[in-house]
Amino acid sequence: MSLEIKSNIELTFDEIQTLITKGLKTIAPELKDTAKAIVPVRTGNLQRSIGTEIKGNTLTLGATMDYAPYVEYGTPKMAAQPYLRPAVELNKTFIKSVFRIK
């Protein structure tokens, strides 16, 4: 009897994981597109380096250029020009709707 319950619980966790992954795959392109639309562009290298990665239950939005953090957070000599955090903020309603969060 307990083996059946354990088996059913594992199946439920697998289903939940599948739904989470599907949700992350749904929101990833929107986050990437929004970040690319609002990032400051000089050469386009930073814009082209923006991407997403999904590992387990984690979606990472970032940029691969070595100067990306300086643009996002600023330096003592340069004001911040955030593009990643605002991309998430601008998509908050969409993210909530995908995961049905009220």
Protein backbone atom coordinates (compact mmCIF):
# COMPACT_ATOMS: atom_id res chain seq x y z
CA MET A 1 0.00 0.00 0.00
CA SER A 2 2.68 2.54 0.86
CA LEU A 3 4.53 1.69 -2.37
CA GLU A 4 1.46 2.70 -4.38
CA ILE A 5 1.24 5.99 -2.52
CA LYS A 6 4.94 6.68 -3.05
CA SER A 7 4.61 5.83 -6.72
CA ASN A 8 1.65 8.21 -7.08
CA ILE A 9 3.51 11.00 -5.25
CA GLU A 10 6.54 10.62 -7.52
CA LEU A 11 4.31 10.75 -10.57
CA THR A 12 2.73 13.94 -9.23
CA PHE A 13 6.16 15.50 -8.67
CA ASP A 14 7.14 14.54 -12.21
CA GLU A 15 3.99 16.17 -13.55
CA ILE A 16 4.69 19.31 -11.52
CA GLN A 17 8.27 19.43 -12.80
CA THR A 18 6.99 19.08 -16.36
CA LEU A 19 4.57 21.97 -15.85
CA ILE A 20 7.28 24.16 -14.30
CA THR A 21 9.64 23.46 -17.20
CA LYS A 22 6.88 24.19 -19.71
CA GLY A 23 6.13 27.48 -17.93
CA LEU A 24 9.79 28.50 -17.88
CA LYS A 25 10.11 27.69 -21.60
CA THR A 26 7.05 29.87 -22.22
CA ILE A 27 8.36 32.94 -20.39
CA ALA A 28 12.03 32.69 -21.43
CA PRO A 29 11.60 34.15 -24.95
CA GLU A 30 9.52 37.05 -23.62
CA LEU A 31 12.14 37.95 -21.03
CA LYS A 32 14.95 37.72 -23.58
CA ASP A 33 13.07 39.79 -26.17
CA THR A 34 12.18 42.46 -23.62
CA ALA A 35 15.77 42.72 -22.36
CA LYS A 36 17.03 42.99 -25.96
CA ALA A 37 14.48 45.71 -26.68
CA ILE A 38 15.49 47.91 -23.72
CA VAL A 39 19.25 47.34 -23.44
CA PRO A 40 21.33 50.37 -24.44
CA VAL A 41 22.93 49.69 -27.82
CA ARG A 42 26.24 51.04 -29.04
CA THR A 43 27.72 48.18 -31.09
CA GLY A 44 24.95 45.61 -30.61
CA ASN A 45 27.33 43.09 -29.02
CA LEU A 46 25.68 43.29 -25.60
CA GLN A 47 22.23 43.03 -27.14
CA ARG A 48 23.21 39.94 -29.14
CA SER A 49 24.74 38.31 -26.06
CA ILE A 50 21.48 38.36 -24.07
CA GLY A 51 20.00 34.93 -23.57
CA THR A 52 18.27 32.54 -21.22
CA GLU A 53 19.13 29.17 -19.75
CA ILE A 54 16.86 26.72 -17.97
CA LYS A 55 18.32 24.24 -15.50
CA GLY A 56 15.88 22.34 -13.35
CA ASN A 57 13.47 24.83 -11.82
CA THR A 58 15.69 27.83 -12.55
CA LEU A 59 15.50 30.24 -15.46
CA THR A 60 18.53 32.47 -15.86
CA LEU A 61 18.35 35.64 -17.93
CA GLY A 62 21.73 37.19 -18.62
CA ALA A 63 24.31 38.49 -21.04
CA THR A 64 27.69 37.02 -21.83
CA MET A 65 29.68 40.18 -22.58
CA ASP A 66 32.24 40.88 -19.86
CA TYR A 67 30.95 44.44 -19.40
CA ALA A 68 27.28 43.41 -19.02
CA PRO A 69 27.22 43.83 -15.20
CA TYR A 70 28.66 47.35 -15.50
CA VAL A 71 25.82 48.38 -17.79
CA GLU A 72 23.19 46.75 -15.55
CA TYR A 73 24.53 48.02 -12.20
CA GLY A 74 26.75 50.96 -13.14
CA THR A 75 30.21 51.87 -11.88
CA PRO A 76 31.55 54.77 -9.82
CA LYS A 77 32.09 56.60 -13.13
CA MET A 78 29.05 55.39 -15.08
CA ALA A 79 25.36 55.42 -14.19
CA ALA A 80 23.50 52.10 -14.24
CA GLN A 81 21.41 51.39 -17.33
CA PRO A 82 19.42 48.35 -16.15
CA TYR A 83 17.92 46.06 -18.76
CA LEU A 84 17.70 42.62 -17.13
CA ARG A 85 15.83 43.51 -13.93
CA PRO A 86 13.40 45.79 -15.79
CA ALA A 87 12.76 43.00 -18.33
CA VAL A 88 11.56 40.78 -15.48
CA GLU A 89 9.54 43.61 -13.93
CA LEU A 90 7.87 44.47 -17.23
CA ASN A 91 6.84 40.83 -17.66
CA LYS A 92 5.63 40.28 -14.10
CA THR A 93 1.95 40.06 -15.12
CA PHE A 94 2.77 37.63 -17.93
CA ILE A 95 4.89 35.47 -15.60
CA LYS A 96 2.11 35.38 -13.04
CA SER A 97 -0.42 34.43 -15.69
CA VAL A 98 1.74 31.57 -16.98
CA PHE A 99 2.05 30.15 -13.47
CA ARG A 100 -1.46 31.29 -12.52
CA ILE A 101 -0.25 33.32 -9.53
CA LYS A 102 -2.76 35.82 -8.20
